Amino acid sequence: MEKSTKKKDKLCIICFSGDFDKALAAFTIATGAAASNKEVVLFFTFWGLNIIRKNPNRSFKGTDLPTRVFNFLMGGFNCLPLSRFNFCGASPKLMTGIMRKKHIATLTELIESAKLLKIKFIACEMAMNVLDIKKEDLIDEVEAIVGIPTFLEHAKDSITLFI
């Protein structure tokens, strides 16, 4: 019997936004693709790094005043705003409640599913340097901190989405 040479379909999602609803879209697409037997890579850069930070709350981390302020304003996973109609931070909680009531996977559940589905989590080295974020600040599932050339190797021959 001849071995198939067909490559597994690949999907790369660039998570640039730290908005709750955009993170929800990225993880919904990623887990759906992985459940459909596609290889999936999530590349987190700039505000998207907020989604994968260990400390889910606001903190003044960084080596200088500008990075401390940026890190405080980013806020961590528990502070992801809705891109529209955030209502002082209440909207993500309201949306999560609606999702639970309608038996739809929440962002937290989708992230846990992504881990179980072995989706690759990689982080942008340049954005981490700009924002003074260290590898130890990120969740353990982050496989690598990479520059653009390495990300482009991951994205080679894949569908790439920018969210």
N, C-alpha and C. Protein backbone atom coordinates (compact mmCIF):
# COMPACT_ATOMS: atom_id res chain seq x y z
N MET A 1 0.84 -1.18 0.00
CA MET A 1 0.00 0.00 0.00
C MET A 1 0.89 1.24 0.00
N GLU A 2 0.54 2.18 -0.85
CA GLU A 2 1.31 3.40 -0.98
C GLU A 2 0.97 4.38 0.12
N LYS A 3 2.00 4.96 0.70
CA LYS A 3 1.82 5.95 1.75
C LYS A 3 1.38 7.28 1.15
N SER A 4 0.42 7.92 1.77
CA SER A 4 -0.07 9.20 1.29
C SER A 4 0.98 10.29 1.53
N THR A 5 1.20 11.12 0.52
CA THR A 5 2.15 12.22 0.67
C THR A 5 1.43 13.55 0.92
N LYS A 6 0.12 13.49 1.05
CA LYS A 6 -0.65 14.71 1.29
C LYS A 6 -0.30 15.28 2.66
N LYS A 7 0.00 16.57 2.67
CA LYS A 7 0.30 17.25 3.93
C LYS A 7 -0.98 17.48 4.70
N LYS A 8 -0.83 17.49 6.02
CA LYS A 8 -1.95 17.84 6.88
C LYS A 8 -2.25 19.33 6.70
N ASP A 9 -3.51 19.70 6.61
CA ASP A 9 -3.88 21.11 6.50
C ASP A 9 -3.37 21.87 7.72
N LYS A 10 -2.89 23.09 7.48
CA LYS A 10 -2.34 23.91 8.56
C LYS A 10 -3.09 25.24 8.63
N LEU A 11 -3.22 25.72 9.85
CA LEU A 11 -3.81 27.03 10.11
C LEU A 11 -2.94 27.76 11.11
N CYS A 12 -2.58 28.99 10.78
CA CYS A 12 -1.87 29.86 11.73
C CYS A 12 -2.76 31.06 11.99
N ILE A 13 -2.91 31.38 13.26
CA ILE A 13 -3.69 32.55 13.64
C ILE A 13 -2.78 33.49 14.41
N ILE A 14 -2.70 34.72 13.91
CA ILE A 14 -1.93 35.75 14.59
C ILE A 14 -2.89 36.47 15.54
N CYS A 15 -2.65 36.32 16.83
CA CYS A 15 -3.49 36.95 17.85
C CYS A 15 -2.81 38.27 18.24
N PHE A 16 -3.24 39.33 17.58
CA PHE A 16 -2.68 40.66 17.79
C PHE A 16 -3.49 41.45 18.80
N SER A 17 -4.78 41.18 18.86
CA SER A 17 -5.69 41.95 19.69
C SER A 17 -5.83 41.33 21.08
N GLY A 18 -5.94 42.17 22.06
CA GLY A 18 -6.23 41.72 23.41
C GLY A 18 -7.70 41.88 23.75
N ASP A 19 -8.55 42.02 22.73
CA ASP A 19 -9.99 42.16 22.96
C ASP A 19 -10.62 40.80 23.22
N PHE A 20 -11.51 40.75 24.17
CA PHE A 20 -12.19 39.52 24.57
C PHE A 20 -12.86 38.83 23.40
N ASP A 21 -13.65 39.57 22.62
CA ASP A 21 -14.39 38.96 21.52
C ASP A 21 -13.49 38.49 20.39
N LYS A 22 -12.37 39.17 20.17
CA LYS A 22 -11.43 38.74 19.14
C LYS A 22 -10.66 37.50 19.61
N ALA A 23 -10.33 37.43 20.89
CA ALA A 23 -9.71 36.23 21.44
C ALA A 23 -10.68 35.06 21.34
N LEU A 24 -11.94 35.32 21.63
CA LEU A 24 -12.99 34.29 21.51
C LEU A 24 -13.06 33.77 20.07
N ALA A 25 -13.02 34.67 19.10
CA ALA A 25 -13.05 34.27 17.69
C ALA A 25 -11.82 33.44 17.34
N ALA A 26 -10.64 33.88 17.76
CA ALA A 26 -9.40 33.16 17.46
C ALA A 26 -9.43 31.74 18.03
N PHE A 27 -9.86 31.61 19.28
CA PHE A 27 -9.87 30.28 19.90
C PHE A 27 -11.01 29.40 19.39
N THR A 28 -12.12 30.00 18.98
CA THR A 28 -13.20 29.22 18.38
C THR A 28 -12.74 28.63 17.05
N ILE A 29 -12.13 29.44 16.23
CA ILE A 29 -11.62 28.97 14.93
C ILE A 29 -10.51 27.94 15.14
N ALA A 30 -9.58 28.23 16.06
CA ALA A 30 -8.45 27.33 16.31
C ALA A 30 -8.91 25.96 16.79
N THR A 31 -9.80 25.93 17.77
CA THR A 31 -10.24 24.64 18.29
C THR A 31 -11.10 23.89 17.28
N GLY A 32 -11.90 24.61 16.51
CA GLY A 32 -12.68 23.97 15.45
C GLY A 32 -11.78 23.34 14.40
N ALA A 33 -10.73 24.06 14.02
CA ALA A 33 -9.78 23.53 13.03
C ALA A 33 -9.02 22.32 13.60
N ALA A 34 -8.56 22.43 14.83
CA ALA A 34 -7.82 21.32 15.44
C ALA A 34 -8.71 20.08 15.60
N ALA A 35 -9.96 20.29 15.95
CA ALA A 35 -10.90 19.17 16.07
C ALA A 35 -11.20 18.55 14.71
N SER A 36 -10.94 19.30 13.64
CA SER A 36 -11.12 18.80 12.28
C SER A 36 -9.80 18.26 11.71
N ASN A 37 -8.88 17.95 12.60
CA ASN A 37 -7.60 17.33 12.25
C ASN A 37 -6.65 18.24 11.48
N LYS A 38 -6.71 19.53 11.74
CA LYS A 38 -5.77 20.46 11.13
C LYS A 38 -4.69 20.81 12.15
N GLU A 39 -3.51 21.03 11.66
CA GLU A 39 -2.43 21.50 12.52
C GLU A 39 -2.65 22.98 12.76
N VAL A 40 -2.63 23.42 14.01
CA VAL A 40 -2.95 24.82 14.33
C VAL A 40 -1.84 25.44 15.17
N VAL A 41 -1.47 26.65 14.77
CA VAL A 41 -0.49 27.45 15.52
C VAL A 41 -1.15 28.77 15.87
N LEU A 42 -1.07 29.16 17.14
CA LEU A 42 -1.51 30.47 17.58
C LEU A 42 -0.26 31.29 17.90
N PHE A 43 -0.10 32.41 17.21
CA PHE A 43 1.04 33.30 17.39
C PHE A 43 0.55 34.56 18.09
N PHE A 44 1.03 34.79 19.31
CA PHE A 44 0.57 35.92 20.13
C PHE A 44 1.58 37.05 20.06
N THR A 45 1.10 38.24 19.71
CA THR A 45 1.96 39.40 19.62
C THR A 45 1.26 40.62 20.22
N PHE A 46 2.03 41.55 20.67
CA PHE A 46 1.55 42.78 21.31
C PHE A 46 0.38 42.53 22.25
N TRP A 47 -0.77 43.15 22.04
CA TRP A 47 -1.86 43.06 23.02
C TRP A 47 -2.40 41.63 23.13
N GLY A 48 -2.18 40.82 22.12
CA GLY A 48 -2.59 39.41 22.17
C GLY A 48 -1.83 38.62 23.22
N LEU A 49 -0.65 39.10 23.61
CA LEU A 49 0.12 38.43 24.66
C LEU A 49 -0.65 38.40 25.98
N ASN A 50 -1.55 39.35 26.15
CA ASN A 50 -2.36 39.43 27.36
C ASN A 50 -3.17 38.15 27.59
N ILE A 51 -3.56 37.51 26.52
CA ILE A 51 -4.40 36.30 26.59
C ILE A 51 -3.65 35.15 27.26
N ILE A 52 -2.34 35.13 27.12
CA ILE A 52 -1.55 33.98 27.60
C ILE A 52 -0.64 34.31 28.77
N ARG A 53 -0.96 35.39 29.46
CA ARG A 53 -0.16 35.74 30.64
C ARG A 53 -0.59 34.94 31.85
N LYS A 54 0.37 34.54 32.66
CA LYS A 54 0.08 33.76 33.88
C LYS A 54 -0.73 34.57 34.87
N ASN A 55 -0.29 35.80 35.13
CA ASN A 55 -1.01 36.65 36.06
C ASN A 55 -2.22 37.20 35.34
N PRO A 56 -3.43 36.79 35.74
CA PRO A 56 -4.62 37.21 35.01
C PRO A 56 -5.10 38.63 35.35
N ASN A 57 -4.38 39.33 36.21
CA ASN A 57 -4.83 40.65 36.67
C ASN A 57 -3.81 41.74 36.34
N ARG A 58 -4.14 42.95 36.68
CA ARG A 58 -3.26 44.09 36.42
C ARG A 58 -2.03 44.03 37.32
N SER A 59 -0.88 44.40 36.73
CA SER A 59 0.33 44.51 37.54
C SER A 59 1.30 45.47 36.86
N PHE A 60 2.08 46.14 37.68
CA PHE A 60 3.10 47.07 37.17
C PHE A 60 4.39 46.29 37.00
N LYS A 61 4.53 45.56 35.89
CA LYS A 61 5.76 44.82 35.61
C LYS A 61 6.53 45.55 34.55
N GLY A 62 7.84 45.45 34.63
CA GLY A 62 8.70 46.08 33.63
C GLY A 62 9.88 46.75 34.27
N THR A 63 10.84 47.12 33.44
CA THR A 63 12.07 47.70 33.96
C THR A 63 12.07 49.22 33.93
N ASP A 64 11.09 49.81 33.25
CA ASP A 64 11.02 51.27 33.22
C ASP A 64 9.56 51.71 33.29
N LEU A 65 9.35 53.01 33.50
CA LEU A 65 8.00 53.52 33.68
C LEU A 65 7.06 53.24 32.50
N PRO A 66 7.49 53.48 31.25
CA PRO A 66 6.56 53.21 30.13
C PRO A 66 6.10 51.74 30.06
N THR A 67 7.01 50.78 30.24
CA THR A 67 6.59 49.38 30.17
C THR A 67 5.74 49.00 31.37
N ARG A 68 6.02 49.57 32.53
CA ARG A 68 5.16 49.29 33.70
C ARG A 68 3.74 49.79 33.45
N VAL A 69 3.62 50.97 32.86
CA VAL A 69 2.29 51.53 32.57
C VAL A 69 1.58 50.67 31.52
N PHE A 70 2.29 50.31 30.42
CA PHE A 70 1.68 49.47 29.39
C PHE A 70 1.20 48.14 29.98
N ASN A 71 2.03 47.51 30.80
CA ASN A 71 1.65 46.23 31.39
C ASN A 71 0.46 46.37 32.33
N PHE A 72 0.40 47.47 33.05
CA PHE A 72 -0.75 47.70 33.91
C PHE A 72 -2.02 47.90 33.08
N LEU A 73 -1.91 48.71 32.03
CA LEU A 73 -3.07 48.98 31.18
C LEU A 73 -3.53 47.73 30.43
N MET A 74 -2.59 46.85 30.03
CA MET A 74 -2.97 45.61 29.36
C MET A 74 -3.85 44.78 30.29
N GLY A 75 -3.46 44.71 31.54
CA GLY A 75 -4.33 44.15 32.56
C GLY A 75 -4.31 42.67 32.78
N GLY A 76 -3.95 41.86 31.83
CA GLY A 76 -4.00 40.41 32.00
C GLY A 76 -5.32 39.83 31.51
N PHE A 77 -5.40 38.52 31.52
CA PHE A 77 -6.54 37.79 30.97
C PHE A 77 -7.88 38.22 31.57
N ASN A 78 -7.92 38.47 32.86
CA ASN A 78 -9.19 38.86 33.51
C ASN A 78 -9.66 40.27 33.13
N CYS A 79 -8.82 41.01 32.43
CA CYS A 79 -9.15 42.39 32.08
C CYS A 79 -9.32 42.58 30.57
N LEU A 80 -9.49 41.50 29.82
CA LEU A 80 -9.68 41.64 28.38
C LEU A 80 -10.98 42.41 28.13
N PRO A 81 -10.91 43.53 27.41
CA PRO A 81 -12.14 44.30 27.15
C PRO A 81 -12.87 43.77 25.92
N LEU A 82 -14.14 44.06 25.83
CA LEU A 82 -14.89 43.80 24.61
C LEU A 82 -14.51 44.91 23.62
N SER A 83 -14.38 44.59 22.36
CA SER A 83 -13.92 45.59 21.39
C SER A 83 -14.91 46.74 21.22
N ARG A 84 -16.19 46.48 21.46
CA ARG A 84 -17.23 47.52 21.42
C ARG A 84 -18.16 47.32 22.59
N PHE A 85 -18.71 48.38 23.11
CA PHE A 85 -19.66 48.33 24.22
C PHE A 85 -19.10 47.56 25.42
N ASN A 86 -17.93 47.96 25.88
CA ASN A 86 -17.27 47.28 27.00
C ASN A 86 -17.92 47.58 28.34
N PHE A 87 -18.59 48.69 28.46
CA PHE A 87 -19.29 49.09 29.69
C PHE A 87 -18.42 48.93 30.94
N CYS A 88 -17.28 49.63 30.90
CA CYS A 88 -16.34 49.66 32.04
C CYS A 88 -15.89 48.26 32.47
N GLY A 89 -15.77 47.36 31.53
CA GLY A 89 -15.28 46.01 31.82
C GLY A 89 -16.34 44.99 32.16
N ALA A 90 -17.60 45.39 32.22
CA ALA A 90 -18.67 44.45 32.60
C ALA A 90 -19.07 43.53 31.44
N SER A 91 -18.91 43.97 30.22
CA SER A 91 -19.41 43.21 29.07
C SER A 91 -18.82 41.81 28.92
N PRO A 92 -17.49 41.61 29.10
CA PRO A 92 -16.98 40.24 28.99
C PRO A 92 -17.63 39.28 30.00
N LYS A 93 -17.90 39.79 31.19
CA LYS A 93 -18.56 38.94 32.21
C LYS A 93 -20.00 38.64 31.79
N LEU A 94 -20.67 39.66 31.28
CA LEU A 94 -22.05 39.46 30.80
C LEU A 94 -22.08 38.47 29.64
N MET A 95 -21.14 38.62 28.70
CA MET A 95 -21.09 37.72 27.55
C MET A 95 -20.79 36.29 28.00
N THR A 96 -19.88 36.13 28.94
CA THR A 96 -19.55 34.79 29.46
C THR A 96 -20.78 34.17 30.10
N GLY A 97 -21.54 34.95 30.85
CA GLY A 97 -22.78 34.45 31.47
C GLY A 97 -23.79 34.01 30.43
N ILE A 98 -23.95 34.79 29.38
CA ILE A 98 -24.87 34.42 28.30
C ILE A 98 -24.41 33.13 27.63
N MET A 99 -23.11 33.02 27.40
CA MET A 99 -22.57 31.82 26.76
C MET A 99 -22.83 30.58 27.61
N ARG A 100 -22.61 30.71 28.91
CA ARG A 100 -22.87 29.56 29.81
C ARG A 100 -24.34 29.16 29.77
N LYS A 101 -25.21 30.17 29.82
CA LYS A 101 -26.65 29.91 29.81
C LYS A 101 -27.07 29.19 28.52
N LYS A 102 -26.40 29.51 27.41
CA LYS A 102 -26.75 28.92 26.12
C LYS A 102 -25.90 27.69 25.79
N HIS A 103 -25.12 27.23 26.78
CA HIS A 103 -24.28 26.04 26.64
C HIS A 103 -23.27 26.18 25.49
N ILE A 104 -22.68 27.36 25.40
CA ILE A 104 -21.64 27.66 24.42
C ILE A 104 -20.34 27.76 25.18
N ALA A 105 -19.29 27.18 24.63
CA ALA A 105 -17.99 27.20 25.30
C ALA A 105 -17.53 28.63 25.55
N THR A 106 -17.09 28.90 26.77
CA THR A 106 -16.57 30.21 27.14
C THR A 106 -15.11 30.32 26.67
N LEU A 107 -14.56 31.52 26.74
CA LEU A 107 -13.17 31.71 26.35
C LEU A 107 -12.24 30.84 27.19
N THR A 108 -12.46 30.78 28.47
CA THR A 108 -11.63 29.95 29.34
C THR A 108 -11.72 28.48 28.92
N GLU A 109 -12.91 28.01 28.62
CA GLU A 109 -13.09 26.61 28.18
C GLU A 109 -12.43 26.37 26.82
N LEU A 110 -12.50 27.35 25.93
CA LEU A 110 -11.87 27.21 24.62
C LEU A 110 -10.35 27.15 24.75
N ILE A 111 -9.79 27.94 25.65
CA ILE A 111 -8.34 27.91 25.87
C ILE A 111 -7.93 26.55 26.42
N GLU A 112 -8.70 26.02 27.36
CA GLU A 112 -8.40 24.69 27.90
C GLU A 112 -8.52 23.63 26.80
N SER A 113 -9.52 23.75 25.95
CA SER A 113 -9.68 22.82 24.82
C SER A 113 -8.49 22.92 23.87
N ALA A 114 -8.02 24.14 23.62
CA ALA A 114 -6.85 24.33 22.74
C ALA A 114 -5.63 23.59 23.30
N LYS A 115 -5.46 23.64 24.60
CA LYS A 115 -4.35 22.93 25.23
C LYS A 115 -4.51 21.42 25.04
N LEU A 116 -5.71 20.91 25.25
CA LEU A 116 -5.97 19.48 25.10
C LEU A 116 -5.82 19.01 23.65
N LEU A 117 -6.16 19.89 22.72
CA LEU A 117 -6.06 19.56 21.29
C LEU A 117 -4.63 19.74 20.75
N LYS A 118 -3.71 20.08 21.63
CA LYS A 118 -2.29 20.23 21.28
C LYS A 118 -2.04 21.33 20.25
N ILE A 119 -2.83 22.40 20.34
CA ILE A 119 -2.58 23.57 19.49
C ILE A 119 -1.28 24.20 19.96
N LYS A 120 -0.43 24.60 19.01
CA LYS A 120 0.84 25.21 19.37
C LYS A 120 0.63 26.67 19.73
N PHE A 121 1.14 27.05 20.88
CA PHE A 121 1.12 28.44 21.34
C PHE A 121 2.54 28.96 21.19
N ILE A 122 2.73 30.01 20.40
CA ILE A 122 4.04 30.64 20.30
C ILE A 122 3.88 32.15 20.51
N ALA A 123 4.92 32.77 21.03
CA ALA A 123 4.85 34.20 21.35
C ALA A 123 5.90 34.96 20.56
N CYS A 124 5.60 36.21 20.28
CA CYS A 124 6.46 37.09 19.48
C CYS A 124 7.58 37.67 20.35
N GLU A 125 8.79 37.36 19.96
CA GLU A 125 9.97 37.83 20.69
C GLU A 125 10.07 39.35 20.72
N MET A 126 9.86 39.99 19.56
CA MET A 126 10.00 41.44 19.50
C MET A 126 8.97 42.13 20.40
N ALA A 127 7.70 41.71 20.32
CA ALA A 127 6.66 42.32 21.15
C ALA A 127 6.96 42.12 22.63
N MET A 128 7.46 40.94 22.98
CA MET A 128 7.81 40.69 24.39
C MET A 128 8.93 41.61 24.84
N ASN A 129 9.91 41.85 23.96
CA ASN A 129 11.00 42.77 24.30
C ASN A 129 10.48 44.19 24.47
N VAL A 130 9.61 44.63 23.56
CA VAL A 130 9.06 45.99 23.65
C VAL A 130 8.29 46.17 24.95
N LEU A 131 7.47 45.17 25.31
CA LEU A 131 6.61 45.28 26.48
C LEU A 131 7.26 44.75 27.76
N ASP A 132 8.51 44.34 27.66
CA ASP A 132 9.28 43.84 28.81
C ASP A 132 8.58 42.64 29.47
N ILE A 133 8.10 41.72 28.65
CA ILE A 133 7.45 40.51 29.13
C ILE A 133 8.45 39.37 29.01
N LYS A 134 8.56 38.56 30.03
CA LYS A 134 9.49 37.43 30.06
C LYS A 134 8.73 36.12 29.85
N LYS A 135 9.44 35.07 29.44
CA LYS A 135 8.82 33.76 29.22
C LYS A 135 8.10 33.28 30.48
N GLU A 136 8.69 33.53 31.63
CA GLU A 136 8.07 33.08 32.89
C GLU A 136 6.76 33.82 33.20
N ASP A 137 6.49 34.92 32.49
CA ASP A 137 5.23 35.65 32.65
C ASP A 137 4.08 34.99 31.88
N LEU A 138 4.43 34.04 31.00
CA LEU A 138 3.43 33.41 30.13
C LEU A 138 3.05 32.02 30.64
N ILE A 139 1.89 31.55 30.20
CA ILE A 139 1.44 30.22 30.61
C ILE A 139 2.42 29.16 30.11
N ASP A 140 2.46 28.03 30.79
CA ASP A 140 3.42 26.97 30.49
C ASP A 140 3.26 26.38 29.09
N GLU A 141 2.08 26.48 28.51
CA GLU A 141 1.82 25.89 27.20
C GLU A 141 2.49 26.64 26.05
N VAL A 142 3.03 27.81 26.31
CA VAL A 142 3.75 28.54 25.27
C VAL A 142 5.02 27.75 24.95
N GLU A 143 5.06 27.21 23.73
CA GLU A 143 6.17 26.33 23.34
C GLU A 143 7.45 27.08 23.03
N ALA A 144 7.31 28.28 22.47
CA ALA A 144 8.50 28.99 22.05
C ALA A 144 8.24 30.49 21.97
N ILE A 145 9.33 31.23 22.10
CA ILE A 145 9.35 32.66 21.87
C ILE A 145 10.12 32.80 20.55
N VAL A 146 9.48 33.36 19.53
CA VAL A 146 10.12 33.34 18.21
C VAL A 146 10.10 34.71 17.55
N GLY A 147 11.03 34.88 16.63
CA GLY A 147 11.05 36.05 15.78
C GLY A 147 10.24 35.77 14.52
N ILE A 148 10.13 36.76 13.68
CA ILE A 148 9.32 36.65 12.47
C ILE A 148 9.82 35.55 11.53
N PRO A 149 11.13 35.38 11.29
CA PRO A 149 11.54 34.30 10.39
C PRO A 149 11.06 32.92 10.85
N THR A 150 11.11 32.67 12.14
CA THR A 150 10.64 31.38 12.66
C THR A 150 9.12 31.27 12.54
N PHE A 151 8.41 32.36 12.85
CA PHE A 151 6.96 32.32 12.67
C PHE A 151 6.60 32.03 11.21
N LEU A 152 7.31 32.65 10.28
CA LEU A 152 7.03 32.44 8.85
C LEU A 152 7.25 30.98 8.45
N GLU A 153 8.20 30.31 9.09
CA GLU A 153 8.38 28.87 8.84
C GLU A 153 7.15 28.10 9.33
N HIS A 154 6.62 28.47 10.49
CA HIS A 154 5.39 27.85 11.00
C HIS A 154 4.23 28.10 10.04
N ALA A 155 4.18 29.30 9.48
CA ALA A 155 3.06 29.70 8.63
C ALA A 155 3.18 29.20 7.19
N LYS A 156 4.34 28.70 6.84
CA LYS A 156 4.58 28.23 5.48
C LYS A 156 3.53 27.18 5.09
N ASP A 157 2.95 27.35 3.92
CA ASP A 157 1.94 26.41 3.39
C ASP A 157 0.70 26.32 4.29
N SER A 158 0.37 27.38 4.97
CA SER A 158 -0.82 27.35 5.84
C SER A 158 -1.78 28.46 5.45
N ILE A 159 -2.98 28.32 5.93
CA ILE A 159 -3.92 29.42 5.90
C ILE A 159 -3.53 30.28 7.10
N THR A 160 -3.40 31.59 6.90
CA THR A 160 -3.01 32.46 8.01
C THR A 160 -4.07 33.53 8.21
N LEU A 161 -4.54 33.65 9.44
CA LEU A 161 -5.55 34.64 9.81
C LEU A 161 -4.93 35.62 10.79
N PHE A 162 -5.33 36.87 10.69
CA PHE A 162 -4.85 37.93 11.58
C PHE A 162 -6.04 38.43 12.36
N ILE A 163 -6.06 38.16 13.66
CA ILE A 163 -7.21 38.56 14.49
C ILE A 163 -6.73 39.43 15.63
